[in-house]
Amino acid sequence: MFYHLSKVPTLSSKQSQYLRQAVTYLNPAITVASCNKTDSIPSFILGNAGIYAVAATVFNSLGDLNQSNQYIQLYYDSANTVKKQRFLNYGSDELFVGRAGYVLGALWIAAETNTPLRKNDIYEICDIIVKSGRDYSRTHDSRCPLMYSYYEVEYLGAAHGLCSILQVLLTVPGYMDSHPNEAKDIKNSIDFLLGEQDAEGNFPAAVDEIGYRSELIHWCHGAGGMIFLMAKAYLVFKEQKYLDSCILMGNLVWAKGLLKKGPGICHDIAGNGYVFLLLYRLTQEQKYLHRAIEFYKFMLSSEFQSGSRTPDYPYSLFEGLAGTTCFLADLTHPSEAKFPFYDIFCVYK
């Protein structure tokens, strides 16, 4: 959160203060990571790799390039673990703990520290992700060219499912151009998801929910997260159908996205607020900025503050106030607003 705040132009006068505070929170996390030599090492969102990624970017911003490079190397040291076929028995490819998250972290480090992406490692991991999806799809007779499971559930959404895996593959610079067969399966898988969008604009959370009414409108499951994939597809392929899908999702979130599960970005109101900041950047239409501000105002209302739940981790990035703070900060400079780690407008090198 503090690193995110340090990058917001309207808060630049407090940049050094935010970075110092970030180090205060980083130090105990680094200590834990140094003692935790388990399979969680390559996990970007929930494990050691994420700690190394944030440390690399924070120390880079502070001008301590030696420490920054040290943590970049620690991040890539776990690449060989990620390359193992089933390094996690319950699903090795998703965003929070799997390969997609690891690749996303590498992209984020490269962009934030202005250091080269280690494409040999990242392309090899992307190849493994695609092969894993093909193998699973074939053995489970899936209609989608690439399919994955996490704890034996074929999730489709952003948190654990196909959506974020495809978005990451789509984002890796040069991968689609240099891997035409893989690119075909990636695009056809995106179009499979697009075909499951219902008339209201939502998507099922998992394959076994296809054909039933989709009620979840979150970042983690449903339109609140799927919009990032379709927006990225629109930017890459320039096909109107992806933008139309995004607009439909935006209208759905405006109609039904005032959640009371808490203030965060995963399955909470700030996450849905980011839908409108995304659409504002994508279309430059003022109505989307207005809608983002209205979602912020709802968080201040007595209805929300008295009726919303307390998250399990009330100060965390995805469930709690840290993510909410990122959303509020981005409202002050919407032309550069970005969901944490998930900037679809960034052109990676």
Protein backbone atom coordinates (compact mmCIF):
# COMPACT_ATOMS: atom_id res chain seq x y z
CA MET A 1 0.00 0.00 0.00
CA PHE A 2 2.69 2.52 0.98
CA TYR A 3 4.66 1.80 -2.18
CA HIS A 4 1.49 2.31 -4.24
CA LEU A 5 0.90 5.65 -2.49
CA SER A 6 4.48 6.71 -3.19
CA LYS A 7 3.82 6.38 -6.94
CA VAL A 8 0.65 8.50 -7.06
CA PRO A 9 1.57 11.92 -8.55
CA THR A 10 -0.85 13.89 -6.38
CA LEU A 11 0.86 12.51 -3.26
CA SER A 12 4.44 13.08 -4.44
CA SER A 13 5.24 15.49 -1.58
CA LYS A 14 5.05 12.55 0.83
CA GLN A 15 6.88 10.01 -1.33
CA SER A 16 9.91 9.60 0.94
CA GLN A 17 7.67 9.27 4.00
CA TYR A 18 5.63 6.53 2.33
CA LEU A 19 8.75 4.65 1.25
CA ARG A 20 10.23 4.76 4.75
CA GLN A 21 6.97 3.44 6.13
CA ALA A 22 7.02 0.69 3.50
CA VAL A 23 10.44 -0.43 4.76
CA THR A 24 9.08 -0.54 8.31
CA TYR A 25 6.47 -3.07 7.21
CA LEU A 26 8.85 -4.91 4.89
CA ASN A 27 11.51 -5.73 7.45
CA PRO A 28 9.50 -8.24 9.52
CA ALA A 29 8.14 -9.80 6.31
CA ILE A 30 11.68 -10.25 5.01
CA THR A 31 12.65 -11.89 8.30
CA VAL A 32 9.75 -14.33 7.99
CA ALA A 33 10.63 -15.08 4.36
CA SER A 34 14.23 -15.88 5.27
CA CYS A 35 12.99 -18.54 7.70
CA ASN A 36 10.23 -19.91 5.48
CA LYS A 37 11.85 -22.28 2.99
CA THR A 38 8.77 -24.12 1.77
CA ASP A 39 6.79 -24.45 -1.45
CA SER A 40 5.28 -21.03 -0.73
CA ILE A 41 8.54 -19.44 -1.90
CA PRO A 42 7.37 -18.82 -5.51
CA SER A 43 3.92 -17.56 -4.52
CA PHE A 44 3.60 -13.91 -5.59
CA ILE A 45 0.49 -12.87 -3.66
CA LEU A 46 0.70 -15.22 -0.66
CA GLY A 47 4.36 -16.22 -0.36
CA ASN A 48 8.00 -15.28 -0.30
CA ALA A 49 8.19 -14.21 -3.94
CA GLY A 50 5.79 -11.36 -3.30
CA ILE A 51 7.91 -10.14 -0.40
CA TYR A 52 11.02 -10.19 -2.58
CA ALA A 53 9.17 -8.36 -5.39
CA VAL A 54 7.97 -5.56 -3.14
CA ALA A 55 11.39 -5.30 -1.47
CA ALA A 56 13.07 -4.99 -4.88
CA THR A 57 10.79 -2.15 -5.94
CA VAL A 58 10.88 -0.26 -2.65
CA PHE A 59 14.67 -0.33 -2.36
CA ASN A 60 14.95 0.63 -6.02
CA SER A 61 12.80 3.70 -5.35
CA LEU A 62 15.00 4.55 -2.36
CA GLY A 63 18.08 4.40 -4.59
CA ASP A 64 19.53 1.32 -2.89
CA LEU A 65 20.24 -0.63 -6.07
CA ASN A 66 22.40 -3.24 -4.34
CA GLN A 67 19.55 -4.37 -2.11
CA SER A 68 17.08 -4.08 -4.97
CA ASN A 69 19.18 -6.34 -7.19
CA GLN A 70 19.61 -8.78 -4.32
CA TYR A 71 15.85 -9.21 -4.02
CA ILE A 72 15.38 -9.43 -7.78
CA GLN A 73 17.84 -12.32 -7.76
CA LEU A 74 16.04 -13.98 -4.84
CA TYR A 75 12.82 -13.69 -6.84
CA TYR A 76 14.29 -15.42 -9.87
CA ASP A 77 16.02 -18.05 -7.72
CA SER A 78 12.61 -19.67 -7.27
CA ALA A 79 11.96 -19.97 -11.03
CA ASN A 80 13.13 -23.57 -11.08
CA THR A 81 10.54 -24.48 -8.45
CA VAL A 82 7.79 -22.96 -10.59
CA LYS A 83 8.97 -24.98 -13.59
CA LYS A 84 8.28 -28.29 -11.85
CA GLN A 85 5.22 -29.90 -13.42
CA ARG A 86 3.16 -30.13 -10.22
CA PHE A 87 4.99 -28.07 -7.66
CA LEU A 88 1.61 -27.63 -5.94
CA ASN A 89 -0.67 -30.65 -5.74
CA TYR A 90 -3.86 -28.57 -5.68
CA GLY A 91 -3.15 -26.47 -8.78
CA SER A 92 0.09 -24.91 -9.95
CA ASP A 93 -1.01 -22.31 -12.50
CA GLU A 94 -3.33 -19.76 -10.85
CA LEU A 95 -2.61 -16.20 -9.74
CA PHE A 96 -2.31 -16.17 -5.96
CA VAL A 97 0.11 -19.07 -5.47
CA GLY A 98 0.86 -20.45 -8.91
CA ARG A 99 2.79 -19.79 -12.11
CA ALA A 100 0.56 -16.97 -13.39
CA GLY A 101 1.22 -14.98 -10.25
CA TYR A 102 4.94 -15.65 -10.50
CA VAL A 103 5.03 -14.35 -14.08
CA LEU A 104 2.94 -11.32 -13.09
CA GLY A 105 5.42 -10.57 -10.33
CA ALA A 106 8.34 -10.74 -12.74
CA LEU A 107 6.56 -8.34 -15.11
CA TRP A 108 5.83 -5.96 -12.24
CA ILE A 109 9.43 -6.00 -11.00
CA ALA A 110 10.77 -5.29 -14.49
CA ALA A 111 8.39 -2.38 -15.01
CA GLU A 112 8.84 -0.81 -11.57
CA THR A 113 12.63 -1.13 -11.40
CA ASN A 114 13.32 -0.54 -15.10
CA THR A 115 15.34 -3.75 -15.28
CA PRO A 116 15.22 -6.34 -18.07
CA LEU A 117 12.62 -9.08 -17.91
CA ARG A 118 14.41 -12.42 -17.88
CA LYS A 119 12.56 -13.66 -20.91
CA ASN A 120 14.20 -17.07 -21.14
CA ASP A 121 12.82 -18.02 -17.73
CA ILE A 122 9.47 -16.30 -18.23
CA TYR A 123 8.84 -17.73 -21.71
CA GLU A 124 9.67 -21.20 -20.43
CA ILE A 125 7.18 -20.79 -17.58
CA CYS A 126 4.55 -19.51 -20.03
CA ASP A 127 5.13 -22.59 -22.17
CA ILE A 128 4.57 -24.76 -19.10
CA ILE A 129 1.36 -22.88 -18.25
CA VAL A 130 0.01 -23.41 -21.76
CA LYS A 131 0.99 -27.08 -21.81
CA SER A 132 -0.62 -27.59 -18.41
CA GLY A 133 -3.84 -26.00 -19.66
CA ARG A 134 -3.85 -28.05 -22.85
CA ASP A 135 -3.21 -31.29 -21.00
CA TYR A 136 -5.96 -30.62 -18.47
CA SER A 137 -8.40 -29.57 -21.19
CA ARG A 138 -7.74 -32.73 -23.18
CA THR A 139 -7.97 -35.17 -20.28
CA HIS A 140 -11.16 -33.53 -18.95
CA ASP A 141 -12.89 -33.04 -22.34
CA SER A 142 -13.13 -29.28 -21.86
CA ARG A 143 -14.67 -27.08 -24.54
CA CYS A 144 -11.95 -24.52 -23.85
CA PRO A 145 -8.48 -25.06 -25.38
CA LEU A 146 -6.85 -24.16 -22.06
CA MET A 147 -8.38 -25.14 -18.74
CA TYR A 148 -7.09 -25.39 -15.18
CA SER A 149 -8.29 -26.44 -11.77
CA TYR A 150 -7.57 -25.21 -8.27
CA TYR A 151 -8.55 -27.57 -5.46
CA GLU A 152 -10.41 -29.58 -8.12
CA VAL A 153 -12.60 -26.62 -9.14
CA GLU A 154 -12.37 -25.22 -12.67
CA TYR A 155 -12.51 -21.56 -11.67
CA LEU A 156 -13.04 -18.95 -14.37
CA GLY A 157 -12.54 -15.70 -12.44
CA ALA A 158 -9.56 -13.51 -11.63
CA ALA A 159 -8.51 -14.79 -8.21
CA HIS A 160 -7.90 -18.47 -8.90
CA GLY A 161 -9.13 -19.08 -12.41
CA LEU A 162 -8.70 -18.99 -16.14
CA CYS A 163 -9.27 -15.24 -16.44
CA SER A 164 -6.08 -14.07 -14.75
CA ILE A 165 -3.98 -16.86 -16.25
CA LEU A 166 -4.97 -15.74 -19.75
CA GLN A 167 -4.44 -12.10 -18.87
CA VAL A 168 -0.90 -12.79 -17.72
CA LEU A 169 -0.09 -14.81 -20.85
CA LEU A 170 -1.52 -12.01 -22.98
CA THR A 171 0.64 -9.45 -21.19
CA VAL A 172 4.10 -11.04 -21.48
CA PRO A 173 5.96 -8.93 -24.06
CA GLY A 174 6.68 -10.75 -27.31
CA TYR A 175 5.29 -14.09 -26.20
CA MET A 176 2.20 -14.09 -28.41
CA ASP A 177 4.15 -13.00 -31.49
CA SER A 178 6.89 -15.59 -31.04
CA HIS A 179 4.53 -18.45 -30.11
CA PRO A 180 1.73 -18.44 -32.74
CA ASN A 181 0.29 -21.84 -31.79
CA GLU A 182 0.12 -20.90 -28.13
CA ALA A 183 -1.30 -17.49 -29.09
CA LYS A 184 -4.12 -19.18 -30.98
CA ASP A 185 -5.11 -21.23 -27.94
CA ILE A 186 -4.88 -18.19 -25.68
CA LYS A 187 -7.17 -16.12 -27.90
CA ASN A 188 -9.62 -18.98 -28.42
CA SER A 189 -9.76 -19.45 -24.65
CA ILE A 190 -10.54 -15.75 -24.19
CA ASP A 191 -13.32 -16.13 -26.73
CA PHE A 192 -14.61 -19.18 -24.86
CA LEU A 193 -14.97 -17.01 -21.77
CA LEU A 194 -16.57 -14.23 -23.78
CA GLY A 195 -19.16 -16.72 -24.99
CA GLU A 196 -20.17 -17.43 -21.39
CA GLN A 197 -21.04 -13.80 -20.61
CA ASP A 198 -24.74 -13.60 -19.81
CA ALA A 199 -27.22 -10.97 -21.00
CA GLU A 200 -26.65 -8.82 -17.89
CA GLY A 201 -22.90 -8.89 -18.41
CA ASN A 202 -21.79 -11.33 -15.74
CA PHE A 203 -19.77 -14.55 -15.91
CA PRO A 204 -20.02 -17.83 -13.99
CA ALA A 205 -17.47 -18.29 -11.23
CA ALA A 206 -16.58 -21.81 -12.36
CA VAL A 207 -17.27 -24.26 -15.18
CA ASP A 208 -19.76 -26.23 -13.09
CA GLU A 209 -21.86 -23.05 -12.75
CA ILE A 210 -22.21 -22.50 -16.50
CA GLY A 211 -25.89 -22.39 -17.39
CA TYR A 212 -26.96 -21.12 -13.97
CA ARG A 213 -27.62 -17.53 -12.95
CA SER A 214 -24.34 -15.82 -12.04
CA GLU A 215 -24.75 -13.84 -8.82
CA LEU A 216 -21.16 -12.97 -7.87
CA ILE A 217 -20.02 -9.53 -9.02
CA HIS A 218 -16.54 -9.28 -7.52
CA TRP A 219 -12.97 -8.89 -8.66
CA CYS A 220 -12.27 -12.47 -7.58
CA HIS A 221 -15.34 -14.00 -9.25
CA GLY A 222 -17.48 -12.46 -11.95
CA ALA A 223 -17.53 -9.23 -13.92
CA GLY A 224 -15.44 -7.21 -11.48
CA GLY A 225 -12.33 -9.18 -12.41
CA MET A 226 -13.22 -10.44 -15.87
CA ILE A 227 -13.30 -6.88 -17.17
CA PHE A 228 -9.52 -6.61 -16.84
CA LEU A 229 -9.00 -9.55 -19.20
CA MET A 230 -11.48 -8.28 -21.78
CA ALA A 231 -10.00 -4.78 -21.61
CA LYS A 232 -6.52 -6.19 -22.18
CA ALA A 233 -7.86 -8.29 -25.07
CA TYR A 234 -9.34 -5.13 -26.58
CA LEU A 235 -6.02 -3.31 -26.31
CA VAL A 236 -4.15 -6.23 -27.88
CA PHE A 237 -6.54 -7.40 -30.61
CA LYS A 238 -8.46 -4.14 -31.27
CA GLU A 239 -11.73 -6.06 -31.66
CA GLN A 240 -14.92 -4.21 -30.72
CA LYS A 241 -16.50 -7.28 -29.09
CA TYR A 242 -14.09 -7.04 -26.18
CA LEU A 243 -14.88 -3.37 -25.55
CA ASP A 244 -18.60 -4.12 -25.81
CA SER A 245 -18.13 -6.80 -23.16
CA CYS A 246 -16.37 -4.30 -20.89
CA ILE A 247 -19.13 -1.72 -21.24
CA LEU A 248 -21.75 -4.35 -20.43
CA MET A 249 -19.81 -5.35 -17.32
CA GLY A 250 -19.50 -1.71 -16.28
CA ASN A 251 -23.25 -1.24 -16.51
CA LEU A 252 -23.80 -4.38 -14.43
CA VAL A 253 -21.38 -3.26 -11.71
CA TRP A 254 -23.08 0.15 -11.62
CA ALA A 255 -26.48 -1.51 -11.19
CA LYS A 256 -25.55 -4.29 -8.75
CA GLY A 257 -22.01 -3.76 -7.54
CA LEU A 258 -22.56 -1.93 -4.25
CA LEU A 259 -21.32 -4.73 -2.02
CA LYS A 260 -21.39 -4.89 1.76
CA LYS A 261 -18.75 -7.56 2.31
CA GLY A 262 -16.22 -4.92 3.31
CA PRO A 263 -14.12 -2.11 1.86
CA GLY A 264 -11.43 -4.11 0.04
CA ILE A 265 -10.59 -4.88 -3.57
CA CYS A 266 -11.06 -8.66 -3.79
CA HIS A 267 -14.77 -9.16 -3.21
CA ASP A 268 -15.62 -5.74 -1.90
CA ILE A 269 -16.71 -2.30 -3.01
CA ALA A 270 -13.29 -0.79 -3.77
CA GLY A 271 -12.59 -3.63 -6.19
CA ASN A 272 -15.76 -2.81 -8.07
CA GLY A 273 -14.84 0.86 -7.94
CA TYR A 274 -11.71 0.00 -9.89
CA VAL A 275 -13.99 -1.22 -12.71
CA PHE A 276 -14.97 2.38 -13.36
CA LEU A 277 -11.43 3.71 -13.12
CA LEU A 278 -10.46 1.10 -15.71
CA LEU A 279 -13.31 2.11 -18.00
CA TYR A 280 -12.44 5.77 -17.55
CA ARG A 281 -8.89 5.13 -18.74
CA LEU A 282 -10.12 2.88 -21.54
CA THR A 283 -12.80 5.22 -22.93
CA GLN A 284 -12.07 8.67 -21.41
CA GLU A 285 -15.80 8.98 -20.69
CA GLN A 286 -16.47 11.15 -17.63
CA LYS A 287 -19.46 9.08 -16.53
CA TYR A 288 -17.12 6.32 -15.40
CA LEU A 289 -15.12 8.66 -13.21
CA HIS A 290 -18.42 9.89 -11.76
CA ARG A 291 -19.42 6.31 -10.99
CA ALA A 292 -16.10 5.59 -9.29
CA ILE A 293 -16.59 8.64 -7.09
CA GLU A 294 -20.13 7.56 -6.24
CA PHE A 295 -18.82 4.18 -5.07
CA TYR A 296 -16.34 6.02 -2.88
CA LYS A 297 -19.18 8.12 -1.44
CA PHE A 298 -21.14 4.98 -0.64
CA MET A 299 -18.24 3.78 1.49
CA LEU A 300 -18.72 6.90 3.61
CA SER A 301 -22.44 6.33 4.07
CA SER A 302 -23.99 5.14 7.31
CA GLU A 303 -25.67 2.33 5.37
CA PHE A 304 -22.30 0.90 4.37
CA GLN A 305 -20.46 1.57 7.61
CA SER A 306 -23.15 0.02 9.78
CA GLY A 307 -24.13 -2.80 7.43
CA SER A 308 -20.90 -4.09 5.92
CA ARG A 309 -19.01 -7.08 7.26
CA THR A 310 -15.59 -7.00 8.87
CA PRO A 311 -13.16 -8.94 6.64
CA ASP A 312 -11.05 -11.79 8.00
CA TYR A 313 -7.96 -9.66 7.36
CA PRO A 314 -9.26 -6.10 7.78
CA TYR A 315 -5.97 -4.33 7.02
CA SER A 316 -4.77 -6.48 4.12
CA LEU A 317 -4.31 -5.50 0.48
CA PHE A 318 -7.03 -7.67 -1.02
CA GLU A 319 -9.60 -7.89 1.77
CA GLY A 320 -8.99 -4.81 3.84
CA LEU A 321 -8.12 -1.16 4.17
CA ALA A 322 -4.78 -1.33 2.36
CA GLY A 323 -6.50 -2.06 -0.94
CA THR A 324 -9.19 0.52 -0.20
CA THR A 325 -6.51 3.13 0.38
CA CYS A 326 -4.98 2.34 -3.02
CA PHE A 327 -8.38 2.89 -4.64
CA LEU A 328 -8.92 6.20 -2.84
CA ALA A 329 -5.44 7.41 -3.79
CA ASP A 330 -6.03 6.50 -7.43
CA LEU A 331 -9.23 8.55 -7.41
CA THR A 332 -7.03 11.63 -6.97
CA HIS A 333 -5.20 10.90 -10.25
CA PRO A 334 -7.56 8.73 -12.31
CA SER A 335 -5.64 9.06 -15.57
CA GLU A 336 -3.00 6.72 -14.10
CA ALA A 337 -5.21 4.62 -11.81
CA LYS A 338 -4.34 0.95 -11.67
CA PHE A 339 -5.52 -2.04 -9.67
CA PRO A 340 -2.51 -3.15 -7.57
CA PHE A 341 -0.08 -5.27 -9.65
CA TYR A 342 -2.67 -5.41 -12.44
CA ASP A 343 -1.98 -2.47 -14.76
CA ILE A 344 -3.34 -3.54 -18.14
CA PHE A 345 -2.15 -0.29 -19.75
CA CYS A 346 1.52 -0.85 -18.94
CA VAL A 347 3.62 -1.71 -22.00
CA TYR A 348 6.20 -4.18 -20.73
CA LYS A 349 9.60 -4.51 -22.39
